[in-house]
Amino acid sequence: MIPAQFDYVRPLSLAEAVQALAGGGEDAKVIAGGQSLLPLLRLRLAYPDLLVDIGGLDELRGVRDTGDSLEIGALTTHYQVIRDPLIREHCGILASAAATVADPAVRHRGTLGGSLSHADPAGDLPAVVAALDATLLATGPDGERAIATADFFDDYLTTTLRPGEILTAVRVPKLGPGWGFRYEKFQVTAQDWAVVGVAALARRANGQVAEARIGLTNMGTVPIRARAAEQAVAGAEASRAALRAAAAHADEGTSPPGDLRADADYRRHLARVLTARALASAAGVA
């Protein structure tokens, strides 16, 4: 299909982009890699009056080491996330999950900020940044503000970005010694959206799981932290039986959708099974 008519601007700076977006009102949209927005435009599921193309803003690309965390520019592509040595060293689960996104063409064009701003609960990276306790940085007419991941995703395809705001970076705390990770994903075909995905982080000490963080993909209208499973596994023995028992709580508090790929009960089952696998790998259990 052919998209509805819209105006188009390509700003030369972040300040110009914020001004253009704010001037366009609620019917203005930001576009970067276009891997999420363009299909919606073609299907006329989105019909903005104005597209603000920030793809030329190099200031929003790259990874910076800020001490206790990494600051990843919103225009950093999935491919760059996969390859970046700082990300691989300090928060490798982000690189691991990015490698499962769609196909090479999408990974070379799609951006980290675009994936998060699109806020699709079936997307892989929102659940990962939730598990990482990341902070999202947005710039708008009133300046920059920091948004906790838990406060960023509001509803299906909806974030708490204010009118005129642009997601500019993601601040990810470094994982220290003892942390392991795993992203487990079940999908119908190799390039498909996740039926269910699980991002698991586990810190092992003295034969136990001292701490764990678990993010769930496609188990509600927003990415979800499996808090009950996190609490159940904290202090548990690093064994398959103990981790499987903790993972039995993974679907508590979730509201998974039912669709042509899977009904809600099957997604609940998958969440429990995949969480057990992801925890075992993250905790280094053979």
Protein backbone atom coordinates (compact mmCIF):
# COMPACT_ATOMS: atom_id res chain seq x y z
CA MET A 1 0.00 0.00 0.00
CA ILE A 2 0.96 3.65 -0.36
CA PRO A 3 1.31 5.75 2.83
CA ALA A 4 -0.96 8.70 3.43
CA GLN A 5 0.48 12.10 2.52
CA PHE A 6 2.79 13.73 5.06
CA ASP A 7 5.37 16.52 5.33
CA TYR A 8 9.02 15.63 5.84
CA VAL A 9 11.97 17.41 7.49
CA ARG A 10 15.53 16.26 8.11
CA PRO A 11 17.05 18.43 10.87
CA LEU A 12 20.78 19.04 11.15
CA SER A 13 20.88 19.07 14.97
CA LEU A 14 19.01 17.67 17.96
CA ALA A 15 17.78 21.14 18.84
CA GLU A 16 16.28 21.55 15.36
CA ALA A 17 14.70 18.10 15.59
CA VAL A 18 13.05 18.90 18.94
CA GLN A 19 11.77 22.21 17.56
CA ALA A 20 10.34 20.56 14.45
CA LEU A 21 8.72 17.75 16.42
CA ALA A 22 7.19 20.12 18.97
CA GLY A 23 5.88 22.33 16.18
CA GLY A 24 4.26 19.37 14.47
CA GLY A 25 2.00 18.60 17.44
CA GLU A 26 0.63 15.18 18.31
CA ASP A 27 0.49 14.12 14.66
CA ALA A 28 4.27 14.39 14.17
CA LYS A 29 6.45 11.29 14.28
CA VAL A 30 10.18 10.66 14.56
CA ILE A 31 11.83 8.32 12.06
CA ALA A 32 15.39 6.96 12.15
CA GLY A 33 16.07 3.49 10.74
CA GLY A 34 12.40 3.15 9.80
CA GLN A 35 12.19 -0.59 10.46
CA SER A 36 9.21 -0.20 12.79
CA LEU A 37 7.46 2.90 11.46
CA LEU A 38 7.63 2.33 7.70
CA PRO A 39 5.53 -0.87 7.73
CA LEU A 40 2.87 0.96 9.76
CA LEU A 41 2.90 3.83 7.26
CA ARG A 42 2.52 1.48 4.31
CA LEU A 43 -0.42 -0.29 5.97
CA ARG A 44 -1.90 3.08 6.99
CA LEU A 45 -1.92 2.01 10.61
CA ALA A 46 -0.06 5.27 11.26
CA TYR A 47 -0.70 8.46 9.33
CA PRO A 48 1.35 11.36 10.72
CA ASP A 49 1.13 14.84 9.29
CA LEU A 50 4.88 15.30 9.72
CA LEU A 51 7.90 12.98 9.75
CA VAL A 52 11.01 14.28 11.51
CA ASP A 53 13.98 12.29 10.17
CA ILE A 54 16.76 12.18 12.80
CA GLY A 55 18.83 9.65 10.89
CA GLY A 56 21.55 12.20 10.17
CA LEU A 57 22.21 13.16 13.80
CA ASP A 58 25.54 11.47 14.44
CA GLU A 59 25.57 12.92 17.96
CA LEU A 60 23.00 10.23 18.85
CA ARG A 61 25.20 7.32 17.76
CA GLY A 62 27.81 5.30 19.59
CA VAL A 63 28.64 4.03 23.07
CA ARG A 64 30.30 5.97 25.89
CA ASP A 65 31.81 4.58 29.08
CA THR A 66 30.61 6.83 31.92
CA GLY A 67 32.16 4.89 34.78
CA ASP A 68 29.51 2.72 36.41
CA SER A 69 27.37 2.58 33.27
CA LEU A 70 27.39 2.72 29.49
CA GLU A 71 25.52 5.43 27.62
CA ILE A 72 24.30 4.09 24.28
CA GLY A 73 23.10 6.57 21.67
CA ALA A 74 19.55 6.05 20.47
CA LEU A 75 20.65 5.85 16.82
CA THR A 76 23.08 3.01 17.50
CA THR A 77 21.96 0.19 15.22
CA HIS A 78 21.29 -3.35 16.36
CA TYR A 79 24.35 -4.46 14.41
CA GLN A 80 26.53 -1.92 16.22
CA VAL A 81 25.09 -3.05 19.56
CA ILE A 82 26.02 -6.64 18.69
CA ARG A 83 29.58 -5.73 17.72
CA ASP A 84 30.49 -3.05 20.27
CA PRO A 85 33.25 -4.27 22.64
CA LEU A 86 32.05 -2.20 25.60
CA ILE A 87 28.53 -3.61 25.37
CA ARG A 88 29.83 -7.16 24.96
CA GLU A 89 32.07 -6.76 28.01
CA HIS A 90 29.74 -4.97 30.43
CA CYS A 91 26.16 -5.84 29.41
CA GLY A 92 26.50 -8.73 27.00
CA ILE A 93 22.84 -9.74 27.19
CA LEU A 94 21.98 -6.64 25.15
CA ALA A 95 24.31 -7.75 22.36
CA SER A 96 23.06 -11.32 22.61
CA ALA A 97 19.40 -10.30 22.34
CA ALA A 98 20.06 -7.82 19.52
CA ALA A 99 21.52 -10.68 17.49
CA THR A 100 18.11 -12.39 17.52
CA VAL A 101 16.21 -9.40 16.10
CA ALA A 102 14.60 -10.13 12.71
CA ASP A 103 17.24 -10.52 9.97
CA PRO A 104 20.59 -8.92 8.98
CA ALA A 105 18.94 -6.23 6.86
CA VAL A 106 16.78 -5.06 9.78
CA ARG A 107 19.68 -5.27 12.22
CA HIS A 108 21.82 -3.04 10.00
CA ARG A 109 19.07 -0.37 9.70
CA GLY A 110 17.03 -0.65 12.87
CA THR A 111 18.14 1.36 15.92
CA LEU A 112 18.08 0.72 19.65
CA GLY A 113 16.13 3.93 20.29
CA GLY A 114 13.64 3.14 17.56
CA SER A 115 12.95 -0.31 18.98
CA LEU A 116 12.34 1.08 22.47
CA SER A 117 10.26 4.05 21.31
CA HIS A 118 8.09 1.77 19.19
CA ALA A 119 7.27 -0.06 22.44
CA ASP A 120 6.08 -3.31 20.89
CA PRO A 121 5.80 -5.84 23.75
CA ALA A 122 6.78 -8.58 21.27
CA GLY A 123 10.05 -6.78 20.56
CA ASP A 124 13.16 -8.29 22.11
CA LEU A 125 15.02 -5.28 23.46
CA PRO A 126 12.39 -3.64 25.74
CA ALA A 127 12.40 -6.67 28.07
CA VAL A 128 16.20 -6.72 28.05
CA VAL A 129 16.58 -3.08 29.10
CA ALA A 130 13.93 -3.72 31.76
CA ALA A 131 16.00 -6.57 33.18
CA LEU A 132 19.11 -4.38 33.04
CA ASP A 133 17.39 -1.62 35.07
CA ALA A 134 18.35 0.83 32.33
CA THR A 135 17.54 4.53 32.34
CA LEU A 136 16.28 6.19 29.17
CA LEU A 137 17.30 9.76 28.35
CA ALA A 138 14.90 12.00 26.44
CA THR A 139 15.31 15.56 25.19
CA GLY A 140 12.38 17.88 24.58
CA PRO A 141 11.40 21.55 24.67
CA ASP A 142 12.05 21.62 28.44
CA GLY A 143 15.49 20.01 28.19
CA GLU A 144 16.72 16.54 29.05
CA ARG A 145 15.09 14.17 31.53
CA ALA A 146 15.90 10.66 32.72
CA ILE A 147 13.15 8.01 32.69
CA ALA A 148 13.39 4.66 34.46
CA THR A 149 12.53 1.74 32.22
CA ALA A 150 9.63 0.82 34.51
CA ASP A 151 8.14 4.29 33.89
CA PHE A 152 8.86 4.47 30.15
CA PHE A 153 6.51 1.84 28.72
CA ASP A 154 2.92 2.91 29.29
CA ASP A 155 0.75 0.59 27.16
CA TYR A 156 0.74 -1.27 23.85
CA LEU A 157 2.89 0.74 21.38
CA THR A 158 2.75 3.64 23.85
CA THR A 159 5.48 5.30 25.92
CA THR A 160 5.57 8.17 28.38
CA LEU A 161 7.55 10.38 26.02
CA ARG A 162 5.99 13.84 26.10
CA PRO A 163 5.02 15.84 23.00
CA GLY A 164 8.16 17.13 21.35
CA GLU A 165 10.47 14.71 23.20
CA ILE A 166 13.00 12.49 21.45
CA LEU A 167 14.68 9.47 23.01
CA THR A 168 18.39 10.26 22.76
CA ALA A 169 20.25 7.60 24.75
CA VAL A 170 19.99 4.55 27.00
CA ARG A 171 22.06 4.45 30.17
CA VAL A 172 22.81 0.85 31.16
CA PRO A 173 24.49 -0.05 34.48
CA LYS A 174 27.51 -2.28 34.03
CA LEU A 175 27.17 -5.86 35.18
CA GLY A 176 29.89 -6.56 37.71
CA PRO A 177 31.74 -9.78 38.52
CA GLY A 178 29.66 -12.87 39.09
CA TRP A 179 26.82 -11.94 36.75
CA GLY A 180 25.73 -14.31 34.01
CA PHE A 181 23.04 -13.79 31.41
CA ARG A 182 20.87 -15.48 28.83
CA TYR A 183 18.14 -14.41 26.40
CA GLU A 184 15.81 -17.29 25.55
CA LYS A 185 13.32 -16.78 22.73
CA PHE A 186 10.65 -18.98 21.20
CA GLN A 187 9.44 -17.97 17.74
CA VAL A 188 7.50 -19.63 14.95
CA THR A 189 10.06 -18.84 12.24
CA ALA A 190 13.65 -17.63 12.40
CA GLN A 191 12.80 -14.02 11.53
CA ASP A 192 9.50 -13.80 13.39
CA TRP A 193 8.50 -11.85 16.49
CA ALA A 194 8.95 -13.70 19.77
CA VAL A 195 5.98 -15.76 20.89
CA VAL A 196 7.63 -15.41 24.30
CA GLY A 197 11.11 -14.23 25.25
CA VAL A 198 12.96 -14.25 28.57
CA ALA A 199 15.91 -12.04 29.50
CA ALA A 200 17.58 -13.50 32.59
CA LEU A 201 20.45 -12.10 34.64
CA ALA A 202 21.82 -14.03 37.62
CA ARG A 203 24.62 -13.30 40.08
CA ARG A 204 26.06 -16.46 41.55
CA ALA A 205 27.93 -16.64 44.87
CA ASN A 206 28.90 -19.59 47.10
CA GLY A 207 26.86 -22.08 45.08
CA GLN A 208 23.71 -19.97 45.30
CA VAL A 209 21.92 -17.44 43.13
CA ALA A 210 22.44 -14.30 45.18
CA GLU A 211 20.33 -12.10 42.91
CA ALA A 212 18.40 -12.37 39.65
CA ARG A 213 16.56 -10.10 37.27
CA ILE A 214 14.11 -11.44 34.69
CA GLY A 215 12.41 -9.53 31.87
CA LEU A 216 9.57 -11.05 29.83
CA THR A 217 8.79 -10.40 26.17
CA ASN A 218 5.20 -10.61 24.87
CA MET A 219 3.59 -11.45 28.20
CA GLY A 220 1.49 -8.28 28.44
CA THR A 221 0.96 -4.91 26.80
CA VAL A 222 4.39 -3.77 28.07
CA PRO A 223 7.64 -5.59 28.92
CA ILE A 224 7.26 -7.21 32.33
CA ARG A 225 9.65 -8.02 35.14
CA ALA A 226 8.97 -11.47 36.58
CA ARG A 227 9.17 -10.22 40.16
CA ALA A 228 7.74 -13.36 41.78
CA ALA A 229 10.33 -15.55 40.06
CA GLU A 230 13.10 -13.09 40.97
CA GLN A 231 12.14 -13.29 44.62
CA ALA A 232 11.81 -17.07 44.52
CA VAL A 233 15.27 -17.59 43.05
CA ALA A 234 17.13 -15.12 45.30
CA GLY A 235 19.21 -17.20 47.71
CA ALA A 236 18.24 -20.49 46.07
CA GLU A 237 20.72 -23.24 45.37
CA ALA A 238 22.23 -23.02 41.90
CA SER A 239 20.71 -26.30 40.76
CA ARG A 240 18.28 -27.18 38.00
CA ALA A 241 15.63 -28.32 40.46
CA ALA A 242 15.75 -25.10 42.48
CA LEU A 243 15.78 -22.89 39.40
CA ARG A 244 12.89 -24.82 37.87
CA ALA A 245 10.90 -24.32 41.06
CA ALA A 246 11.57 -20.58 41.00
CA ALA A 247 10.71 -20.37 37.30
CA ALA A 248 7.28 -21.83 38.05
CA HIS A 249 6.40 -18.32 39.29
CA ALA A 250 7.49 -16.57 36.07
CA ASP A 251 3.97 -16.02 34.70
CA GLU A 252 2.53 -14.59 37.92
CA GLY A 253 1.15 -11.09 37.41
CA THR A 254 1.27 -11.32 33.60
CA SER A 255 -1.53 -10.82 31.06
CA PRO A 256 -0.30 -12.55 27.91
CA PRO A 257 -2.21 -12.03 24.67
CA GLY A 258 -3.91 -14.77 22.71
CA ASP A 259 -3.46 -14.72 18.94
CA LEU A 260 -2.85 -16.94 15.91
CA ARG A 261 0.62 -17.89 17.17
CA ALA A 262 -0.36 -18.96 20.68
CA ASP A 263 -3.12 -18.65 23.23
CA ALA A 264 -2.57 -17.08 26.64
CA ASP A 265 -2.19 -20.37 28.52
CA TYR A 266 0.47 -21.61 26.12
CA ARG A 267 2.40 -18.36 26.57
CA ARG A 268 2.24 -18.83 30.34
CA HIS A 269 3.67 -22.33 29.91
CA LEU A 270 6.42 -21.02 27.64
CA ALA A 271 7.32 -18.27 30.13
CA ARG A 272 7.88 -20.86 32.85
CA VAL A 273 9.88 -23.23 30.65
CA LEU A 274 12.03 -20.53 29.05
CA THR A 275 12.69 -18.85 32.39
CA ALA A 276 13.98 -22.14 33.82
CA ARG A 277 16.32 -22.54 30.82
CA ALA A 278 17.49 -18.92 30.90
CA LEU A 279 18.14 -18.96 34.65
CA ALA A 280 20.10 -22.19 34.40
CA SER A 281 22.32 -20.75 31.68
CA ALA A 282 22.73 -17.39 33.45
CA ALA A 283 23.63 -19.13 36.73
CA GLY A 284 26.11 -21.43 35.01
CA VAL A 285 24.23 -24.61 35.80
CA ALA A 286 25.29 -27.39 33.42
